[in-house]
């Protein structure tokens, strides 16, 4: 895989990495050179931590959309074993924006449902940039129902800017199918774990996002609308996307504070795009732990717990100060 393309705020990091690379290429390094390599490595790790701890919401969006960020297929290769893909929705076609199939997570068999964006132009066109049509959501639901039939837990990997908004998708019932997925996933009696690995955009993400345990990667985001879409509505131009990103409160810290997600999965220093294998290890540990905990909950309690989990999102209390009644 080619080196990650630098983001604007990563320039100081790239400069240090170049210095380190030049020193490491020297054939016979002296003691001074080895000491310089050690010092720069220390400075580099410190700089990455400082830069990524201070990212604003719009910069987090850029990280979530990074070309080199691990996609669903990367996690399928690095986290799961024996993936057997299942195709089609038994009605219209096989939407490649959503991949479904049997897989193994350690010694546990699971049903995997994953939104795949693709990395190069050919893959992006094949997978429609991760934006599913109704048949994609229909395929996902049918495979989740199959998992329940065979008592298999479900793992959903979310990474989409949103459901495909084209005329054909609307004619084939895009909104209806997403709504149907929400209803049916709320009452399917098998454990469901959902993880936002990159972008979690609007109903397109929520269409496979109803689960017992919902996690988000540290530099992913999960939102009712894209920053550009929000900016177009509120400020009448997408150039104000950075303002919208601040207003939407969709970063992992916000989501955990608001009770939208249950867990933040840490990313390697400098973001997941810098170390796919470490990110895969972190994801594997999170999924394994969540599925183990959920497997110990009786099915009737599981459904009640899932229902209450989503019903309480957005609930708040109002109080009237004394003397203002």
C-alpha atoms as a PDB file:
ATOM      1  CA  UNK A   1       0.000   0.000   0.000  1.00  0.00           C
ATOM      2  CA  UNK A   2       1.345   3.465  -0.866  1.00  0.00           C
ATOM      3  CA  UNK A   3       2.181   5.965   1.872  1.00  0.00           C
ATOM      4  CA  UNK A   4      -0.792   7.840   3.333  1.00  0.00           C
ATOM      5  CA  UNK A   5      -1.468  11.207   1.755  1.00  0.00           C
ATOM      6  CA  UNK A   6      -0.747  13.989   4.253  1.00  0.00           C
ATOM      7  CA  UNK A   7      -3.572  15.975   5.781  1.00  0.00           C
ATOM      8  CA  UNK A   8      -2.975  19.731   6.294  1.00  0.00           C
ATOM      9  CA  UNK A   9      -2.388  19.414  10.045  1.00  0.00           C
ATOM     10  CA  UNK A  10       0.027  16.498   9.512  1.00  0.00           C
ATOM     11  CA  UNK A  11       2.754  18.521   7.782  1.00  0.00           C
ATOM     12  CA  UNK A  12       5.024  18.809  10.860  1.00  0.00           C
ATOM     13  CA  UNK A  13       4.692  15.045  11.329  1.00  0.00           C
ATOM     14  CA  UNK A  14       5.628  14.412   7.690  1.00  0.00           C
ATOM     15  CA  UNK A  15       8.718  16.597   8.003  1.00  0.00           C
ATOM     16  CA  UNK A  16       9.972  14.636  11.015  1.00  0.00           C
ATOM     17  CA  UNK A  17       9.183  11.328   9.302  1.00  0.00           C
ATOM     18  CA  UNK A  18      11.258  12.398   6.299  1.00  0.00           C
ATOM     19  CA  UNK A  19      14.202  13.272   8.548  1.00  0.00           C
ATOM     20  CA  UNK A  20      13.898   9.899  10.263  1.00  0.00           C
ATOM     21  CA  UNK A  21      13.684   8.057   6.951  1.00  0.00           C
ATOM     22  CA  UNK A  22      16.791   9.795   5.601  1.00  0.00           C
ATOM     23  CA  UNK A  23      18.780   8.891   8.710  1.00  0.00           C
ATOM     24  CA  UNK A  24      17.617   5.264   8.691  1.00  0.00           C
ATOM     25  CA  UNK A  25      18.717   4.879   5.066  1.00  0.00           C
ATOM     26  CA  UNK A  26      22.363   5.551   5.922  1.00  0.00           C
ATOM     27  CA  UNK A  27      24.333   2.319   5.344  1.00  0.00           C
ATOM     28  CA  UNK A  28      26.799   2.644   8.258  1.00  0.00           C
ATOM     29  CA  UNK A  29      25.214   4.819  10.943  1.00  0.00           C
ATOM     30  CA  UNK A  30      27.533   6.336  13.514  1.00  0.00           C
ATOM     31  CA  UNK A  31      26.792   6.576  17.219  1.00  0.00           C
ATOM     32  CA  UNK A  32      25.674  10.169  16.658  1.00  0.00           C
ATOM     33  CA  UNK A  33      23.319   9.069  13.884  1.00  0.00           C
ATOM     34  CA  UNK A  34      21.818   6.303  16.029  1.00  0.00           C
ATOM     35  CA  UNK A  35      21.244   8.775  18.839  1.00  0.00           C
ATOM     36  CA  UNK A  36      19.575  11.175  16.387  1.00  0.00           C
ATOM     37  CA  UNK A  37      17.302   8.357  15.172  1.00  0.00           C
ATOM     38  CA  UNK A  38      16.300   7.536  18.747  1.00  0.00           C
ATOM     39  CA  UNK A  39      15.640  11.205  19.554  1.00  0.00           C
ATOM     40  CA  UNK A  40      13.561  11.823  16.415  1.00  0.00           C
ATOM     41  CA  UNK A  41      11.454   8.696  17.043  1.00  0.00           C
ATOM     42  CA  UNK A  42      10.668   9.974  20.534  1.00  0.00           C
ATOM     43  CA  UNK A  43       9.841  13.447  19.206  1.00  0.00           C
ATOM     44  CA  UNK A  44       7.709  11.944  16.434  1.00  0.00           C
ATOM     45  CA  UNK A  45       5.542   9.911  18.816  1.00  0.00           C
ATOM     46  CA  UNK A  46       5.137  12.934  21.070  1.00  0.00           C
ATOM     47  CA  UNK A  47       4.177  15.167  18.137  1.00  0.00           C
ATOM     48  CA  UNK A  48       1.615  12.671  16.821  1.00  0.00           C
ATOM     49  CA  UNK A  49      -0.032  12.493  20.243  1.00  0.00           C
ATOM     50  CA  UNK A  50      -0.130  16.272  20.589  1.00  0.00           C
ATOM     51  CA  UNK A  51      -1.540  16.842  17.103  1.00  0.00           C
ATOM     52  CA  UNK A  52      -4.207  14.144  17.294  1.00  0.00           C
ATOM     53  CA  UNK A  53      -5.307  15.010  20.834  1.00  0.00           C
ATOM     54  CA  UNK A  54      -6.129  18.543  19.647  1.00  0.00           C
ATOM     55  CA  UNK A  55      -8.035  17.731  16.449  1.00  0.00           C
ATOM     56  CA  UNK A  56     -11.172  19.792  15.942  1.00  0.00           C
ATOM     57  CA  UNK A  57     -14.382  18.163  14.599  1.00  0.00           C
ATOM     58  CA  UNK A  58     -13.711  19.142  10.967  1.00  0.00           C
ATOM     59  CA  UNK A  59     -10.192  17.715  11.125  1.00  0.00           C
ATOM     60  CA  UNK A  60     -11.656  14.489  12.553  1.00  0.00           C
ATOM     61  CA  UNK A  61     -13.950  14.307   9.504  1.00  0.00           C
ATOM     62  CA  UNK A  62     -10.858  14.523   7.277  1.00  0.00           C
ATOM     63  CA  UNK A  63      -9.232  11.658   9.194  1.00  0.00           C
ATOM     64  CA  UNK A  64     -12.429   9.573   8.948  1.00  0.00           C
ATOM     65  CA  UNK A  65     -12.414  10.093   5.164  1.00  0.00           C
ATOM     66  CA  UNK A  66      -8.681   9.513   4.678  1.00  0.00           C
ATOM     67  CA  UNK A  67      -7.948   7.490   1.529  1.00  0.00           C
ATOM     68  CA  UNK A  68      -5.552   5.203   3.406  1.00  0.00           C
ATOM     69  CA  UNK A  69      -7.866   4.585   6.352  1.00  0.00           C
ATOM     70  CA  UNK A  70      -8.709   0.868   6.752  1.00  0.00           C
ATOM     71  CA  UNK A  71     -11.898  -0.061   4.920  1.00  0.00           C
ATOM     72  CA  UNK A  72     -14.251  -2.958   5.603  1.00  0.00           C
ATOM     73  CA  UNK A  73     -12.315  -5.351   3.352  1.00  0.00           C
ATOM     74  CA  UNK A  74      -9.117  -4.564   5.264  1.00  0.00           C
ATOM     75  CA  UNK A  75     -10.807  -5.560   8.525  1.00  0.00           C
ATOM     76  CA  UNK A  76     -12.302  -8.661   6.910  1.00  0.00           C
ATOM     77  CA  UNK A  77      -8.751  -9.746   6.046  1.00  0.00           C
ATOM     78  CA  UNK A  78      -7.086  -8.694   9.308  1.00  0.00           C
ATOM     79  CA  UNK A  79      -9.752  -9.340  11.968  1.00  0.00           C
ATOM     80  CA  UNK A  80     -11.895 -12.217  10.697  1.00  0.00           C
ATOM     81  CA  UNK A  81     -11.193 -15.726   9.403  1.00  0.00           C
ATOM     82  CA  UNK A  82     -12.989 -17.916   6.863  1.00  0.00           C
ATOM     83  CA  UNK A  83     -15.185 -15.172   5.418  1.00  0.00           C
ATOM     84  CA  UNK A  84     -17.771 -16.681   3.067  1.00  0.00           C
ATOM     85  CA  UNK A  85     -19.646 -13.946   1.226  1.00  0.00           C
ATOM     86  CA  UNK A  86     -23.408 -14.216   0.719  1.00  0.00           C
ATOM     87  CA  UNK A  87     -24.827 -12.338  -2.266  1.00  0.00           C
ATOM     88  CA  UNK A  88     -28.134 -10.815  -3.279  1.00  0.00           C
ATOM     89  CA  UNK A  89     -31.423  -9.702  -1.730  1.00  0.00           C
ATOM     90  CA  UNK A  90     -33.618 -12.359  -3.451  1.00  0.00           C
ATOM     91  CA  UNK A  91     -35.617  -9.579  -5.093  1.00  0.00           C
ATOM     92  CA  UNK A  92     -33.605  -7.166  -7.215  1.00  0.00           C
ATOM     93  CA  UNK A  93     -29.839  -7.634  -7.186  1.00  0.00           C
ATOM     94  CA  UNK A  94     -26.565  -7.751  -5.289  1.00  0.00           C
ATOM     95  CA  UNK A  95     -25.643  -4.311  -3.927  1.00  0.00           C
ATOM     96  CA  UNK A  96     -21.853  -4.246  -3.592  1.00  0.00           C
ATOM     97  CA  UNK A  97     -21.955  -1.260  -1.213  1.00  0.00           C
ATOM     98  CA  UNK A  98     -22.833  -3.735   1.551  1.00  0.00           C
ATOM     99  CA  UNK A  99     -20.935  -6.992   1.995  1.00  0.00           C
ATOM    100  CA  UNK A 100     -22.515  -9.828   3.957  1.00  0.00           C
ATOM    101  CA  UNK A 101     -21.366 -13.290   4.888  1.00  0.00           C
ATOM    102  CA  UNK A 102     -20.365 -15.889   7.448  1.00  0.00           C
ATOM    103  CA  UNK A 103     -17.068 -15.322   9.249  1.00  0.00           C
ATOM    104  CA  UNK A 104     -15.127 -16.416  12.304  1.00  0.00           C
ATOM    105  CA  UNK A 105     -13.901 -14.089  15.036  1.00  0.00           C
ATOM    106  CA  UNK A 106     -11.415 -16.193  16.929  1.00  0.00           C
ATOM    107  CA  UNK A 107     -13.359 -19.381  17.696  1.00  0.00           C
ATOM    108  CA  UNK A 108     -16.767 -17.677  17.422  1.00  0.00           C
ATOM    109  CA  UNK A 109     -18.885 -17.889  14.246  1.00  0.00           C
ATOM    110  CA  UNK A 110     -20.614 -14.636  13.290  1.00  0.00           C
ATOM    111  CA  UNK A 111     -22.641 -13.051  10.526  1.00  0.00           C
ATOM    112  CA  UNK A 112     -20.750 -10.063   9.153  1.00  0.00           C
ATOM    113  CA  UNK A 113     -22.509  -7.072   7.561  1.00  0.00           C
ATOM    114  CA  UNK A 114     -20.142  -4.364   6.335  1.00  0.00           C
ATOM    115  CA  UNK A 115     -20.324  -1.205   4.256  1.00  0.00           C
ATOM    116  CA  UNK A 116     -17.432  -1.123   1.808  1.00  0.00           C
ATOM    117  CA  UNK A 117     -16.287   2.127   0.150  1.00  0.00           C
ATOM    118  CA  UNK A 118     -13.331   0.940  -1.860  1.00  0.00           C
ATOM    119  CA  UNK A 119      -9.902   2.564  -2.023  1.00  0.00           C
ATOM    120  CA  UNK A 120      -9.114   3.216  -5.712  1.00  0.00           C
ATOM    121  CA  UNK A 121     -11.469   4.467  -8.419  1.00  0.00           C
ATOM    122  CA  UNK A 122     -12.314   0.991  -9.730  1.00  0.00           C
ATOM    123  CA  UNK A 123     -13.262  -0.264  -6.255  1.00  0.00           C
ATOM    124  CA  UNK A 124     -15.207   2.879  -5.428  1.00  0.00           C
ATOM    125  CA  UNK A 125     -17.278   2.559  -8.565  1.00  0.00           C
ATOM    126  CA  UNK A 126     -17.881  -1.137  -7.886  1.00  0.00           C
ATOM    127  CA  UNK A 127     -19.042  -0.402  -4.340  1.00  0.00           C
ATOM    128  CA  UNK A 128     -20.753   2.908  -5.177  1.00  0.00           C
ATOM    129  CA  UNK A 129     -18.560   4.724  -2.632  1.00  0.00           C
ATOM    130  CA  UNK A 130     -20.236   2.756   0.157  1.00  0.00           C
ATOM    131  CA  UNK A 131     -23.657   4.305  -0.507  1.00  0.00           C
ATOM    132  CA  UNK A 132     -26.189   1.487  -0.554  1.00  0.00           C
ATOM    133  CA  UNK A 133     -29.435   1.161  -2.536  1.00  0.00           C
ATOM    134  CA  UNK A 134     -32.589  -0.419  -1.048  1.00  0.00           C
ATOM    135  CA  UNK A 135     -31.446  -3.829  -2.224  1.00  0.00           C
ATOM    136  CA  UNK A 136     -28.312  -3.431  -0.097  1.00  0.00           C
ATOM    137  CA  UNK A 137     -30.336  -2.852   3.053  1.00  0.00           C
ATOM    138  CA  UNK A 138     -32.697  -5.669   2.066  1.00  0.00           C
ATOM    139  CA  UNK A 139     -29.711  -7.983   1.644  1.00  0.00           C
ATOM    140  CA  UNK A 140     -28.342  -6.936   5.039  1.00  0.00           C
ATOM    141  CA  UNK A 141     -31.654  -7.565   6.788  1.00  0.00           C
ATOM    142  CA  UNK A 142     -32.170 -10.979   5.205  1.00  0.00           C
ATOM    143  CA  UNK A 143     -28.694 -12.101   6.302  1.00  0.00           C
ATOM    144  CA  UNK A 144     -29.243 -10.777   9.842  1.00  0.00           C
ATOM    145  CA  UNK A 145     -32.500 -12.742   9.992  1.00  0.00           C
ATOM    146  CA  UNK A 146     -30.604 -15.805   8.764  1.00  0.00           C
ATOM    147  CA  UNK A 147     -28.084 -15.300  11.574  1.00  0.00           C
ATOM    148  CA  UNK A 148     -30.895 -15.299  14.145  1.00  0.00           C
ATOM    149  CA  UNK A 149     -32.253 -18.542  12.658  1.00  0.00           C
ATOM    150  CA  UNK A 150     -28.889 -20.242  13.241  1.00  0.00           C
ATOM    151  CA  UNK A 151     -28.209 -18.519  16.609  1.00  0.00           C
ATOM    152  CA  UNK A 152     -25.233 -16.565  15.265  1.00  0.00           C
ATOM    153  CA  UNK A 153     -24.288 -13.122  16.594  1.00  0.00           C
ATOM    154  CA  UNK A 154     -24.085 -10.273  14.078  1.00  0.00           C
ATOM    155  CA  UNK A 155     -21.256  -7.788  13.547  1.00  0.00           C
ATOM    156  CA  UNK A 156     -22.021  -4.631  11.535  1.00  0.00           C
ATOM    157  CA  UNK A 157     -19.191  -2.401  10.286  1.00  0.00           C
ATOM    158  CA  UNK A 158     -20.513   1.059   9.394  1.00  0.00           C
ATOM    159  CA  UNK A 159     -18.700   3.305   6.914  1.00  0.00           C
ATOM    160  CA  UNK A 160     -20.843   5.415   4.606  1.00  0.00           C
ATOM    161  CA  UNK A 161     -21.523   9.046   3.807  1.00  0.00           C
ATOM    162  CA  UNK A 162     -25.204   8.060   3.576  1.00  0.00           C
ATOM    163  CA  UNK A 163     -27.662   5.934   1.658  1.00  0.00           C
ATOM    164  CA  UNK A 164     -27.593   6.489  -2.101  1.00  0.00           C
ATOM    165  CA  UNK A 165     -29.920   9.452  -2.900  1.00  0.00           C
ATOM    166  CA  UNK A 166     -30.534   8.689  -6.596  1.00  0.00           C
ATOM    167  CA  UNK A 167     -33.912   8.567  -8.313  1.00  0.00           C
ATOM    168  CA  UNK A 168     -33.765   4.799  -8.832  1.00  0.00           C
ATOM    169  CA  UNK A 169     -33.087   4.188  -5.156  1.00  0.00           C
ATOM    170  CA  UNK A 170     -36.039   6.359  -4.172  1.00  0.00           C
ATOM    171  CA  UNK A 171     -38.300   4.631  -6.693  1.00  0.00           C
ATOM    172  CA  UNK A 172     -37.364   1.254  -5.210  1.00  0.00           C
ATOM    173  CA  UNK A 173     -38.237   2.379  -1.674  1.00  0.00           C
ATOM    174  CA  UNK A 174     -35.037   3.615  -0.056  1.00  0.00           C
ATOM    175  CA  UNK A 175     -36.708   5.296   2.940  1.00  0.00           C
ATOM    176  CA  UNK A 176     -39.145   2.413   3.460  1.00  0.00           C
ATOM    177  CA  UNK A 177     -36.387  -0.196   3.450  1.00  0.00           C
ATOM    178  CA  UNK A 178     -34.241   1.690   5.951  1.00  0.00           C
ATOM    179  CA  UNK A 179     -37.274   2.155   8.224  1.00  0.00           C
ATOM    180  CA  UNK A 180     -38.037  -1.565   7.912  1.00  0.00           C
ATOM    181  CA  UNK A 181     -34.450  -2.411   8.885  1.00  0.00           C
ATOM    182  CA  UNK A 182     -34.756  -0.231  11.988  1.00  0.00           C
ATOM    183  CA  UNK A 183     -37.934  -1.992  13.079  1.00  0.00           C
ATOM    184  CA  UNK A 184     -36.754  -5.515  12.361  1.00  0.00           C
ATOM    185  CA  UNK A 185     -33.258  -5.104  13.817  1.00  0.00           C
ATOM    186  CA  UNK A 186     -34.868  -3.836  17.026  1.00  0.00           C
ATOM    187  CA  UNK A 187     -36.602  -7.189  17.524  1.00  0.00           C
ATOM    188  CA  UNK A 188     -34.212  -9.785  16.129  1.00  0.00           C
ATOM    189  CA  UNK A 189     -33.282 -12.044  19.041  1.00  0.00           C
ATOM    190  CA  UNK A 190     -29.575 -12.497  18.457  1.00  0.00           C
ATOM    191  CA  UNK A 191     -26.699 -10.332  19.747  1.00  0.00           C
ATOM    192  CA  UNK A 192     -25.788  -7.454  17.401  1.00  0.00           C
ATOM    193  CA  UNK A 193     -22.602  -5.400  17.670  1.00  0.00           C
ATOM    194  CA  UNK A 194     -22.230  -2.292  15.498  1.00  0.00           C
ATOM    195  CA  UNK A 195     -18.985  -0.363  14.956  1.00  0.00           C
ATOM    196  CA  UNK A 196     -18.565   2.924  13.083  1.00  0.00           C
ATOM    197  CA  UNK A 197     -15.153   2.503  11.437  1.00  0.00           C
ATOM    198  CA  UNK A 198     -15.086   5.710   9.382  1.00  0.00           C
ATOM    199  CA  UNK A 199     -18.070   7.791   8.369  1.00  0.00           C
ATOM    200  CA  UNK A 200     -21.445   7.160   9.944  1.00  0.00           C
ATOM    201  CA  UNK A 201     -23.714   9.239   7.765  1.00  0.00           C
ATOM    202  CA  UNK A 202     -27.429   9.687   8.429  1.00  0.00           C
ATOM    203  CA  UNK A 203     -29.988   6.920   7.768  1.00  0.00           C
ATOM    204  CA  UNK A 204     -27.481   5.172   5.531  1.00  0.00           C
ATOM    205  CA  UNK A 205     -25.481   4.284   8.633  1.00  0.00           C
ATOM    206  CA  UNK A 206     -28.472   3.734  10.898  1.00  0.00           C
ATOM    207  CA  UNK A 207     -29.909   1.197   8.423  1.00  0.00           C
ATOM    208  CA  UNK A 208     -27.443  -1.374   9.815  1.00  0.00           C
ATOM    209  CA  UNK A 209     -26.803   0.431  13.100  1.00  0.00           C
ATOM    210  CA  UNK A 210     -29.382  -0.960  15.537  1.00  0.00           C
ATOM    211  CA  UNK A 211     -27.442  -3.117  17.971  1.00  0.00           C
ATOM    212  CA  UNK A 212     -26.926  -4.161  21.566  1.00  0.00           C
ATOM    213  CA  UNK A 213     -23.441  -2.683  21.658  1.00  0.00           C
ATOM    214  CA  UNK A 214     -22.570   0.312  19.478  1.00  0.00           C
ATOM    215  CA  UNK A 215     -18.936   1.397  19.281  1.00  0.00           C
ATOM    216  CA  UNK A 216     -17.078   4.033  17.306  1.00  0.00           C
ATOM    217  CA  UNK A 217     -13.423   4.308  16.369  1.00  0.00           C
ATOM    218  CA  UNK A 218     -11.631   7.208  18.019  1.00  0.00           C
ATOM    219  CA  UNK A 219     -11.408   9.337  14.868  1.00  0.00           C
ATOM    220  CA  UNK A 220     -14.625   8.252  13.178  1.00  0.00           C
ATOM    221  CA  UNK A 221     -17.849  10.244  13.304  1.00  0.00           C
ATOM    222  CA  UNK A 222     -21.550   9.370  13.465  1.00  0.00           C
ATOM    223  CA  UNK A 223     -24.062  12.024  12.449  1.00  0.00           C
ATOM    224  CA  UNK A 224     -27.635  12.718  11.341  1.00  0.00           C
ATOM    225  CA  UNK A 225     -26.237  14.606   8.328  1.00  0.00           C
ATOM    226  CA  UNK A 226     -22.894  15.296   6.682  1.00  0.00           C
ATOM    227  CA  UNK A 227     -21.135  18.570   7.592  1.00  0.00           C
ATOM    228  CA  UNK A 228     -21.557  19.756   3.989  1.00  0.00           C
ATOM    229  CA  UNK A 229     -25.275  18.961   4.000  1.00  0.00           C
ATOM    230  CA  UNK A 230     -25.786  20.731   7.308  1.00  0.00           C
ATOM    231  CA  UNK A 231     -23.819  23.761   6.092  1.00  0.00           C
ATOM    232  CA  UNK A 232     -25.946  23.902   2.949  1.00  0.00           C
ATOM    233  CA  UNK A 233     -29.120  24.054   5.048  1.00  0.00           C
ATOM    234  CA  UNK A 234     -27.991  26.419   7.815  1.00  0.00           C
ATOM    235  CA  UNK A 235     -25.459  28.625   6.026  1.00  0.00           C
ATOM    236  CA  UNK A 236     -26.591  28.073   2.421  1.00  0.00           C
ATOM    237  CA  UNK A 237     -23.123  26.930   1.298  1.00  0.00           C
ATOM    238  CA  UNK A 238     -20.940  23.861   1.827  1.00  0.00           C
ATOM    239  CA  UNK A 239     -17.886  26.074   2.443  1.00  0.00           C
ATOM    240  CA  UNK A 240     -19.131  26.422   6.032  1.00  0.00           C
ATOM    241  CA  UNK A 241     -18.756  22.679   6.656  1.00  0.00           C
ATOM    242  CA  UNK A 242     -16.227  23.329   9.424  1.00  0.00           C
ATOM    243  CA  UNK A 243     -18.814  25.376  11.360  1.00  0.00           C
ATOM    244  CA  UNK A 244     -21.386  22.632  10.865  1.00  0.00           C
ATOM    245  CA  UNK A 245     -18.940  19.997  12.105  1.00  0.00           C
ATOM    246  CA  UNK A 246     -18.518  21.903  15.366  1.00  0.00           C
ATOM    247  CA  UNK A 247     -22.286  22.352  15.775  1.00  0.00           C
ATOM    248  CA  UNK A 248     -23.269  18.733  15.082  1.00  0.00           C
ATOM    249  CA  UNK A 249     -21.366  17.216  18.032  1.00  0.00           C
ATOM    250  CA  UNK A 250     -20.638  13.969  16.229  1.00  0.00           C
ATOM    251  CA  UNK A 251     -17.110  13.128  17.392  1.00  0.00           C
ATOM    252  CA  UNK A 252     -16.477   9.982  19.422  1.00  0.00           C
ATOM    253  CA  UNK A 253     -16.184  11.943  22.687  1.00  0.00           C
ATOM    254  CA  UNK A 254     -19.493  13.724  22.040  1.00  0.00           C
ATOM    255  CA  UNK A 255     -21.227  10.481  21.108  1.00  0.00           C
ATOM    256  CA  UNK A 256     -20.105   8.746  24.289  1.00  0.00           C
ATOM    257  CA  UNK A 257     -21.110  11.723  26.420  1.00  0.00           C
ATOM    258  CA  UNK A 258     -24.550  11.867  24.788  1.00  0.00           C
ATOM    259  CA  UNK A 259     -25.116   8.133  25.200  1.00  0.00           C
ATOM    260  CA  UNK A 260     -25.294   7.435  21.457  1.00  0.00           C
ATOM    261  CA  UNK A 261     -22.423   4.920  21.608  1.00  0.00           C
ATOM    262  CA  UNK A 262     -21.264   2.532  24.306  1.00  0.00           C
ATOM    263  CA  UNK A 263     -17.537   2.491  23.585  1.00  0.00           C
ATOM    264  CA  UNK A 264     -14.724   4.405  21.900  1.00  0.00           C
ATOM    265  CA  UNK A 265     -12.158   2.086  20.312  1.00  0.00           C
ATOM    266  CA  UNK A 266      -8.701   3.643  20.490  1.00  0.00           C
ATOM    267  CA  UNK A 267      -6.755   4.173  17.280  1.00  0.00           C
ATOM    268  CA  UNK A 268      -2.973   3.865  16.892  1.00  0.00           C
ATOM    269  CA  UNK A 269      -0.899   7.003  17.416  1.00  0.00           C
ATOM    270  CA  UNK A 270      -1.448   9.171  14.338  1.00  0.00           C
ATOM    271  CA  UNK A 271      -4.717   7.499  13.300  1.00  0.00           C
ATOM    272  CA  UNK A 272      -5.792   4.127  11.924  1.00  0.00           C
ATOM    273  CA  UNK A 273      -4.465   5.003   8.459  1.00  0.00           C
ATOM    274  CA  UNK A 274      -0.905   4.836   9.827  1.00  0.00           C
ATOM    275  CA  UNK A 275      -1.124   1.341  11.292  1.00  0.00           C
ATOM    276  CA  UNK A 276      -3.779  -1.008   9.924  1.00  0.00           C
ATOM    277  CA  UNK A 277      -2.614  -4.025  11.898  1.00  0.00           C
ATOM    278  CA  UNK A 278      -2.664  -2.279  15.266  1.00  0.00           C
ATOM    279  CA  UNK A 279      -6.128  -0.911  14.518  1.00  0.00           C
ATOM    280  CA  UNK A 280      -7.298  -4.392  13.553  1.00  0.00           C
ATOM    281  CA  UNK A 281      -5.930  -5.754  16.844  1.00  0.00           C
ATOM    282  CA  UNK A 282      -7.827  -3.088  18.801  1.00  0.00           C
ATOM    283  CA  UNK A 283     -11.036  -3.807  16.896  1.00  0.00           C
ATOM    284  CA  UNK A 284     -10.669  -7.561  17.393  1.00  0.00           C
ATOM    285  CA  UNK A 285     -10.302  -7.103  21.151  1.00  0.00           C
ATOM    286  CA  UNK A 286     -13.362  -4.840  21.324  1.00  0.00           C
ATOM    287  CA  UNK A 287     -15.572  -7.183  19.296  1.00  0.00           C
ATOM    288  CA  UNK A 288     -14.464 -10.252  21.232  1.00  0.00           C
ATOM    289  CA  UNK A 289     -15.203  -8.591  24.570  1.00  0.00           C
ATOM    290  CA  UNK A 290     -18.595  -7.228  23.483  1.00  0.00           C
ATOM    291  CA  UNK A 291     -19.786 -10.543  22.032  1.00  0.00           C
ATOM    292  CA  UNK A 292     -18.656 -12.433  25.135  1.00  0.00           C
ATOM    293  CA  UNK A 293     -20.647 -10.088  27.385  1.00  0.00           C
ATOM    294  CA  UNK A 294     -23.745 -10.203  25.176  1.00  0.00           C
ATOM    295  CA  UNK A 295     -23.690 -14.003  24.940  1.00  0.00           C
ATOM    296  CA  UNK A 296     -24.376 -14.178  28.686  1.00  0.00           C
ATOM    297  CA  UNK A 297     -27.617 -12.143  28.467  1.00  0.00           C
ATOM    298  CA  UNK A 298     -30.898 -14.099  28.019  1.00  0.00           C
ATOM    299  CA  UNK A 299     -32.670 -13.359  24.734  1.00  0.00           C
ATOM    300  CA  UNK A 300     -35.755 -11.746  26.283  1.00  0.00           C
ATOM    301  CA  UNK A 301     -33.577  -9.424  28.343  1.00  0.00           C
ATOM    302  CA  UNK A 302     -31.429  -8.718  25.297  1.00  0.00           C
ATOM    303  CA  UNK A 303     -34.394  -7.370  23.322  1.00  0.00           C
ATOM    304  CA  UNK A 304     -35.705  -5.292  26.236  1.00  0.00           C
ATOM    305  CA  UNK A 305     -32.237  -3.883  26.794  1.00  0.00           C
ATOM    306  CA  UNK A 306     -31.817  -3.018  23.114  1.00  0.00           C
ATOM    307  CA  UNK A 307     -35.226  -1.341  22.954  1.00  0.00           C
ATOM    308  CA  UNK A 308     -34.560   0.811  26.023  1.00  0.00           C
ATOM    309  CA  UNK A 309     -31.089   1.683  24.784  1.00  0.00           C
ATOM    310  CA  UNK A 310     -32.435   3.446  21.704  1.00  0.00           C
ATOM    311  CA  UNK A 311     -35.582   4.827  23.317  1.00  0.00           C
ATOM    312  CA  UNK A 312     -33.578   6.819  25.845  1.00  0.00           C
ATOM    313  CA  UNK A 313     -31.340   8.528  23.268  1.00  0.00           C
ATOM    314  CA  UNK A 314     -32.241  12.205  23.167  1.00  0.00           C
ATOM    315  CA  UNK A 315     -34.355  12.084  26.338  1.00  0.00           C
ATOM    316  CA  UNK A 316     -33.830  15.018  28.664  1.00  0.00           C
ATOM    317  CA  UNK A 317     -35.500  16.582  31.685  1.00  0.00           C
ATOM    318  CA  UNK A 318     -36.610  20.176  32.160  1.00  0.00           C
ATOM    319  CA  UNK A 319     -36.751  21.856  35.550  1.00  0.00           C
ATOM    320  CA  UNK A 320     -38.153  25.216  36.529  1.00  0.00           C
ATOM    321  CA  UNK A 321     -36.014  27.290  38.867  1.00  0.00           C
ATOM    322  CA  UNK A 322     -37.621  28.384  42.126  1.00  0.00           C
ATOM    323  CA  UNK A 323     -39.263  31.776  41.722  1.00  0.00           C
ATOM    324  CA  UNK A 324     -39.705  31.418  37.931  1.00  0.00           C
ATOM    325  CA  UNK A 325     -42.863  29.291  37.997  1.00  0.00           C
END
